[in-house]
Amino acid sequence: MTVATIEFDYEISEERLRAYRSLPDEAKLRWLEDIARFTLLFRAAPLIKAEEPLQEPLLAE
C-alpha cells in the first residue's frame, strides 16, 4: 500500500503571533501539548478510502 504525500502551507498572521507571545508560559506549554497530541492522533488515525469523491468542500469558504 502506497501512502500519498500531501503538501500544505500554513501561515500565521502577525496578530496571532503577538497574541501568542503575550500568553503566560504555562498557557504556551499547554497549547504546545495540545498541538502535539492532535498531531500524534492524526498520524495514528487509520487511512480510509472514500466510496465516492466529495461533491462539496468540507469547509465553508
PDB file of N, CA and C in Angstrom:
ATOM      1  N   MET A   1       0.850  -1.179   0.000  1.00  0.00           N
ATOM      2  CA  MET A   1       0.000   0.000   0.000  1.00  0.00           C
ATOM      3  C   MET A   1       0.892   1.238   0.000  1.00  0.00           C
ATOM      4  N   THR A   2       0.606   2.160  -0.888  1.00  0.00           N
ATOM      5  CA  THR A   2       1.376   3.386  -1.001  1.00  0.00           C
ATOM      6  C   THR A   2       0.605   4.529  -0.352  1.00  0.00           C
ATOM      7  N   VAL A   3       1.288   5.298   0.452  1.00  0.00           N
ATOM      8  CA  VAL A   3       0.660   6.452   1.092  1.00  0.00           C
ATOM      9  C   VAL A   3       1.107   7.696   0.351  1.00  0.00           C
ATOM     10  N   ALA A   4       0.133   8.471  -0.116  1.00  0.00           N
ATOM     11  CA  ALA A   4       0.444   9.695  -0.852  1.00  0.00           C
ATOM     12  C   ALA A   4       0.930  10.770   0.107  1.00  0.00           C
ATOM     13  N   THR A   5       1.863  11.553  -0.363  1.00  0.00           N
ATOM     14  CA  THR A   5       2.350  12.675   0.416  1.00  0.00           C
ATOM     15  C   THR A   5       1.512  13.897   0.068  1.00  0.00           C
ATOM     16  N   ILE A   6       1.021  14.557   1.082  1.00  0.00           N
ATOM     17  CA  ILE A   6       0.221  15.753   0.872  1.00  0.00           C
ATOM     18  C   ILE A   6       1.042  16.952   1.317  1.00  0.00           C
ATOM     19  N   GLU A   7       1.254  17.871   0.414  1.00  0.00           N
ATOM     20  CA  GLU A   7       1.982  19.078   0.758  1.00  0.00           C
ATOM     21  C   GLU A   7       0.981  20.158   1.124  1.00  0.00           C
ATOM     22  N   PHE A   8       1.320  20.931   2.121  1.00  0.00           N
ATOM     23  CA  PHE A   8       0.440  22.016   2.501  1.00  0.00           C
ATOM     24  C   PHE A   8       1.258  23.177   3.014  1.00  0.00           C
ATOM     25  N   ASP A   9       0.609  24.306   3.099  1.00  0.00           N
ATOM     26  CA  ASP A   9       1.255  25.531   3.545  1.00  0.00           C
ATOM     27  C   ASP A   9       0.355  26.174   4.587  1.00  0.00           C
ATOM     28  N   TYR A  10       0.964  26.748   5.599  1.00  0.00           N
ATOM     29  CA  TYR A  10       0.184  27.364   6.665  1.00  0.00           C
ATOM     30  C   TYR A  10       0.889  28.642   7.092  1.00  0.00           C
ATOM     31  N   GLU A  11       0.157  29.719   7.118  1.00  0.00           N
ATOM     32  CA  GLU A  11       0.729  30.994   7.530  1.00  0.00           C
ATOM     33  C   GLU A  11      -0.004  31.514   8.751  1.00  0.00           C
ATOM     34  N   ILE A  12       0.744  32.121   9.648  1.00  0.00           N
ATOM     35  CA  ILE A  12       0.166  32.694  10.860  1.00  0.00           C
ATOM     36  C   ILE A  12       0.310  34.205  10.774  1.00  0.00           C
ATOM     37  N   SER A  13      -0.765  34.901  11.041  1.00  0.00           N
ATOM     38  CA  SER A  13      -0.744  36.356  10.952  1.00  0.00           C
ATOM     39  C   SER A  13       0.098  36.959  12.082  1.00  0.00           C
ATOM     40  N   GLU A  14       0.571  38.161  11.847  1.00  0.00           N
ATOM     41  CA  GLU A  14       1.330  38.884  12.874  1.00  0.00           C
ATOM     42  C   GLU A  14       0.487  39.075  14.130  1.00  0.00           C
ATOM     43  N   GLU A  15      -0.796  39.294  13.951  1.00  0.00           N
ATOM     44  CA  GLU A  15      -1.706  39.488  15.093  1.00  0.00           C
ATOM     45  C   GLU A  15      -1.745  38.240  15.976  1.00  0.00           C
ATOM     46  N   ARG A  16      -1.831  37.077  15.348  1.00  0.00           N
ATOM     47  CA  ARG A  16      -1.859  35.828  16.125  1.00  0.00           C
ATOM     48  C   ARG A  16      -0.525  35.566  16.811  1.00  0.00           C
ATOM     49  N   LEU A  17       0.577  35.903  16.138  1.00  0.00           N
ATOM     50  CA  LEU A  17       1.892  35.743  16.764  1.00  0.00           C
ATOM     51  C   LEU A  17       2.028  36.650  17.989  1.00  0.00           C
ATOM     52  N   ARG A  18       1.564  37.890  17.876  1.00  0.00           N
ATOM     53  CA  ARG A  18       1.616  38.802  19.020  1.00  0.00           C
ATOM     54  C   ARG A  18       0.753  38.287  20.162  1.00  0.00           C
ATOM     55  N   ALA A  19      -0.420  37.742  19.832  1.00  0.00           N
ATOM     56  CA  ALA A  19      -1.302  37.202  20.869  1.00  0.00           C
ATOM     57  C   ALA A  19      -0.634  36.018  21.571  1.00  0.00           C
ATOM     58  N   TYR A  20       0.035  35.154  20.799  1.00  0.00           N
ATOM     59  CA  TYR A  20       0.734  34.002  21.388  1.00  0.00           C
ATOM     60  C   TYR A  20       1.863  34.475  22.306  1.00  0.00           C
ATOM     61  N   ARG A  21       2.624  35.465  21.837  1.00  0.00           N
ATOM     62  CA  ARG A  21       3.738  35.982  22.649  1.00  0.00           C
ATOM     63  C   ARG A  21       3.261  36.562  23.968  1.00  0.00           C
ATOM     64  N   SER A  22       2.031  37.066  23.990  1.00  0.00           N
ATOM     65  CA  SER A  22       1.527  37.687  25.214  1.00  0.00           C
ATOM     66  C   SER A  22       0.993  36.664  26.229  1.00  0.00           C
ATOM     67  N   LEU A  23       0.875  35.404  25.826  1.00  0.00           N
ATOM     68  CA  LEU A  23       0.389  34.373  26.743  1.00  0.00           C
ATOM     69  C   LEU A  23       1.417  34.075  27.827  1.00  0.00           C
ATOM     70  N   PRO A  24       0.952  33.704  29.013  1.00  0.00           N
ATOM     71  CA  PRO A  24       1.902  33.253  30.040  1.00  0.00           C
ATOM     72  C   PRO A  24       2.552  31.934  29.599  1.00  0.00           C
ATOM     73  N   ASP A  25       3.724  31.653  30.142  1.00  0.00           N
ATOM     74  CA  ASP A  25       4.466  30.450  29.754  1.00  0.00           C
ATOM     75  C   ASP A  25       3.644  29.178  29.922  1.00  0.00           C
ATOM     76  N   GLU A  26       2.876  29.075  30.989  1.00  0.00           N
ATOM     77  CA  GLU A  26       2.060  27.876  31.221  1.00  0.00           C
ATOM     78  C   GLU A  26       1.042  27.677  30.097  1.00  0.00           C
ATOM     79  N   ALA A  27       0.427  28.744  29.646  1.00  0.00           N
ATOM     80  CA  ALA A  27      -0.553  28.649  28.562  1.00  0.00           C
ATOM     81  C   ALA A  27       0.133  28.254  27.253  1.00  0.00           C
ATOM     82  N   LYS A  28       1.337  28.773  27.007  1.00  0.00           N
ATOM     83  CA  LYS A  28       2.081  28.386  25.802  1.00  0.00           C
ATOM     84  C   LYS A  28       2.396  26.897  25.817  1.00  0.00           C
ATOM     85  N   LEU A  29       2.826  26.385  26.966  1.00  0.00           N
ATOM     86  CA  LEU A  29       3.136  24.957  27.073  1.00  0.00           C
ATOM     87  C   LEU A  29       1.888  24.100  26.874  1.00  0.00           C
ATOM     88  N   ARG A  30       0.767  24.533  27.436  1.00  0.00           N
ATOM     89  CA  ARG A  30      -0.484  23.792  27.270  1.00  0.00           C
ATOM     90  C   ARG A  30      -0.867  23.758  25.790  1.00  0.00           C
ATOM     91  N   TRP A  31      -0.713  24.887  25.103  1.00  0.00           N
ATOM     92  CA  TRP A  31      -1.035  24.970  23.683  1.00  0.00           C
ATOM     93  C   TRP A  31      -0.143  24.006  22.890  1.00  0.00           C
ATOM     94  N   LEU A  32       1.151  23.996  23.199  1.00  0.00           N
ATOM     95  CA  LEU A  32       2.067  23.097  22.502  1.00  0.00           C
ATOM     96  C   LEU A  32       1.728  21.631  22.765  1.00  0.00           C
ATOM     97  N   GLU A  33       1.354  21.299  23.986  1.00  0.00           N
ATOM     98  CA  GLU A  33       0.950  19.921  24.300  1.00  0.00           C
ATOM     99  C   GLU A  33      -0.306  19.530  23.519  1.00  0.00           C
ATOM    100  N   ASP A  34      -1.257  20.439  23.418  1.00  0.00           N
ATOM    101  CA  ASP A  34      -2.481  20.158  22.659  1.00  0.00           C
ATOM    102  C   ASP A  34      -2.173  19.919  21.187  1.00  0.00           C
ATOM    103  N   ILE A  35      -1.300  20.751  20.605  1.00  0.00           N
ATOM    104  CA  ILE A  35      -0.928  20.588  19.203  1.00  0.00           C
ATOM    105  C   ILE A  35      -0.183  19.268  18.987  1.00  0.00           C
ATOM    106  N   ALA A  36       0.721  18.929  19.898  1.00  0.00           N
ATOM    107  CA  ALA A  36       1.459  17.665  19.785  1.00  0.00           C
ATOM    108  C   ALA A  36       0.506  16.473  19.878  1.00  0.00           C
ATOM    109  N   ARG A  37      -0.439  16.520  20.805  1.00  0.00           N
ATOM    110  CA  ARG A  37      -1.413  15.435  20.966  1.00  0.00           C
ATOM    111  C   ARG A  37      -2.256  15.292  19.698  1.00  0.00           C
ATOM    112  N   PHE A  38      -2.743  16.422  19.155  1.00  0.00           N
ATOM    113  CA  PHE A  38      -3.538  16.393  17.933  1.00  0.00           C
ATOM    114  C   PHE A  38      -2.736  15.777  16.786  1.00  0.00           C
ATOM    115  N   THR A  39      -1.481  16.196  16.647  1.00  0.00           N
ATOM    116  CA  THR A  39      -0.639  15.692  15.564  1.00  0.00           C
ATOM    117  C   THR A  39      -0.440  14.187  15.688  1.00  0.00           C
ATOM    118  N   LEU A  40      -0.166  13.707  16.892  1.00  0.00           N
ATOM    119  CA  LEU A  40       0.020  12.269  17.092  1.00  0.00           C
ATOM    120  C   LEU A  40      -1.256  11.487  16.807  1.00  0.00           C
ATOM    121  N   LEU A  41      -2.399  12.016  17.225  1.00  0.00           N
ATOM    122  CA  LEU A  41      -3.669  11.334  16.947  1.00  0.00           C
ATOM    123  C   LEU A  41      -3.955  11.305  15.447  1.00  0.00           C
ATOM    124  N   PHE A  42      -3.676  12.399  14.768  1.00  0.00           N
ATOM    125  CA  PHE A  42      -3.910  12.462  13.328  1.00  0.00           C
ATOM    126  C   PHE A  42      -3.016  11.465  12.600  1.00  0.00           C
ATOM    127  N   ARG A  43      -1.755  11.402  12.995  1.00  0.00           N
ATOM    128  CA  ARG A  43      -0.823  10.490  12.331  1.00  0.00           C
ATOM    129  C   ARG A  43      -1.174   9.038  12.607  1.00  0.00           C
ATOM    130  N   ALA A  44      -1.794   8.749  13.755  1.00  0.00           N
ATOM    131  CA  ALA A  44      -2.150   7.373  14.111  1.00  0.00           C
ATOM    132  C   ALA A  44      -3.508   6.961  13.554  1.00  0.00           C
ATOM    133  N   ALA A  45      -4.263   7.910  13.025  1.00  0.00           N
ATOM    134  CA  ALA A  45      -5.599   7.595  12.515  1.00  0.00           C
ATOM    135  C   ALA A  45      -5.489   6.681  11.295  1.00  0.00           C
ATOM    136  N   PRO A  46      -6.381   5.707  11.192  1.00  0.00           N
ATOM    137  CA  PRO A  46      -6.325   4.805  10.033  1.00  0.00           C
ATOM    138  C   PRO A  46      -6.727   5.532   8.752  1.00  0.00           C
ATOM    139  N   LEU A  47      -6.113   5.110   7.659  1.00  0.00           N
ATOM    140  CA  LEU A  47      -6.487   5.660   6.363  1.00  0.00           C
ATOM    141  C   LEU A  47      -7.758   4.961   5.897  1.00  0.00           C
ATOM    142  N   ILE A  48      -8.683   5.713   5.376  1.00  0.00           N
ATOM    143  CA  ILE A  48      -9.902   5.126   4.834  1.00  0.00           C
ATOM    144  C   ILE A  48     -10.071   5.602   3.400  1.00  0.00           C
ATOM    145  N   LYS A  49     -10.653   4.767   2.612  1.00  0.00           N
ATOM    146  CA  LYS A  49     -10.884   5.121   1.217  1.00  0.00           C
ATOM    147  C   LYS A  49     -12.359   5.465   1.060  1.00  0.00           C
ATOM    148  N   ALA A  50     -12.618   6.643   0.525  1.00  0.00           N
ATOM    149  CA  ALA A  50     -13.996   7.084   0.321  1.00  0.00           C
ATOM    150  C   ALA A  50     -14.630   6.274  -0.806  1.00  0.00           C
ATOM    151  N   GLU A  51     -15.893   5.943  -0.626  1.00  0.00           N
ATOM    152  CA  GLU A  51     -16.615   5.215  -1.668  1.00  0.00           C
ATOM    153  C   GLU A  51     -16.789   6.092  -2.907  1.00  0.00           C
ATOM    154  N   GLU A  52     -17.098   7.366  -2.685  1.00  0.00           N
ATOM    155  CA  GLU A  52     -17.282   8.317  -3.778  1.00  0.00           C
ATOM    156  C   GLU A  52     -16.566   9.609  -3.424  1.00  0.00           C
ATOM    157  N   PRO A  53     -16.087  10.339  -4.426  1.00  0.00           N
ATOM    158  CA  PRO A  53     -15.446  11.622  -4.118  1.00  0.00           C
ATOM    159  C   PRO A  53     -16.457  12.609  -3.537  1.00  0.00           C
ATOM    160  N   LEU A  54     -15.977  13.511  -2.718  1.00  0.00           N
ATOM    161  CA  LEU A  54     -16.851  14.526  -2.143  1.00  0.00           C
ATOM    162  C   LEU A  54     -17.358  15.464  -3.227  1.00  0.00           C
ATOM    163  N   GLN A  55     -18.624  15.815  -3.151  1.00  0.00           N
ATOM    164  CA  GLN A  55     -19.210  16.710  -4.122  1.00  0.00           C
ATOM    165  C   GLN A  55     -19.111  18.170  -3.692  1.00  0.00           C
ATOM    166  N   GLU A  56     -18.932  18.405  -2.397  1.00  0.00           N
ATOM    167  CA  GLU A  56     -18.832  19.764  -1.888  1.00  0.00           C
ATOM    168  C   GLU A  56     -17.665  19.841  -0.908  1.00  0.00           C
ATOM    169  N   PRO A  57     -17.099  21.023  -0.749  1.00  0.00           N
ATOM    170  CA  PRO A  57     -15.958  21.138   0.161  1.00  0.00           C
ATOM    171  C   PRO A  57     -16.369  20.862   1.605  1.00  0.00           C
ATOM    172  N   LEU A  58     -15.398  20.371   2.397  1.00  0.00           N
ATOM    173  CA  LEU A  58     -15.673  20.091   3.802  1.00  0.00           C
ATOM    174  C   LEU A  58     -15.849  21.372   4.617  1.00  0.00           C
ATOM    175  N   LEU A  59     -15.106  22.406   4.256  1.00  0.00           N
ATOM    176  CA  LEU A  59     -15.179  23.653   4.991  1.00  0.00           C
ATOM    177  C   LEU A  59     -15.844  24.723   4.143  1.00  0.00           C
ATOM    178  N   ALA A  60     -16.721  25.469   4.769  1.00  0.00           N
ATOM    179  CA  ALA A  60     -17.361  26.566   4.055  1.00  0.00           C
ATOM    180  C   ALA A  60     -16.350  27.674   3.850  1.00  0.00           C
ATOM    181  N   GLU A  61     -16.411  28.287   2.716  1.00  0.00           N
ATOM    182  CA  GLU A  61     -15.469  29.378   2.438  1.00  0.00           C
ATOM    183  C   GLU A  61     -16.022  30.699   2.911  1.00  0.00           C
TER     184      GLU A  61
END
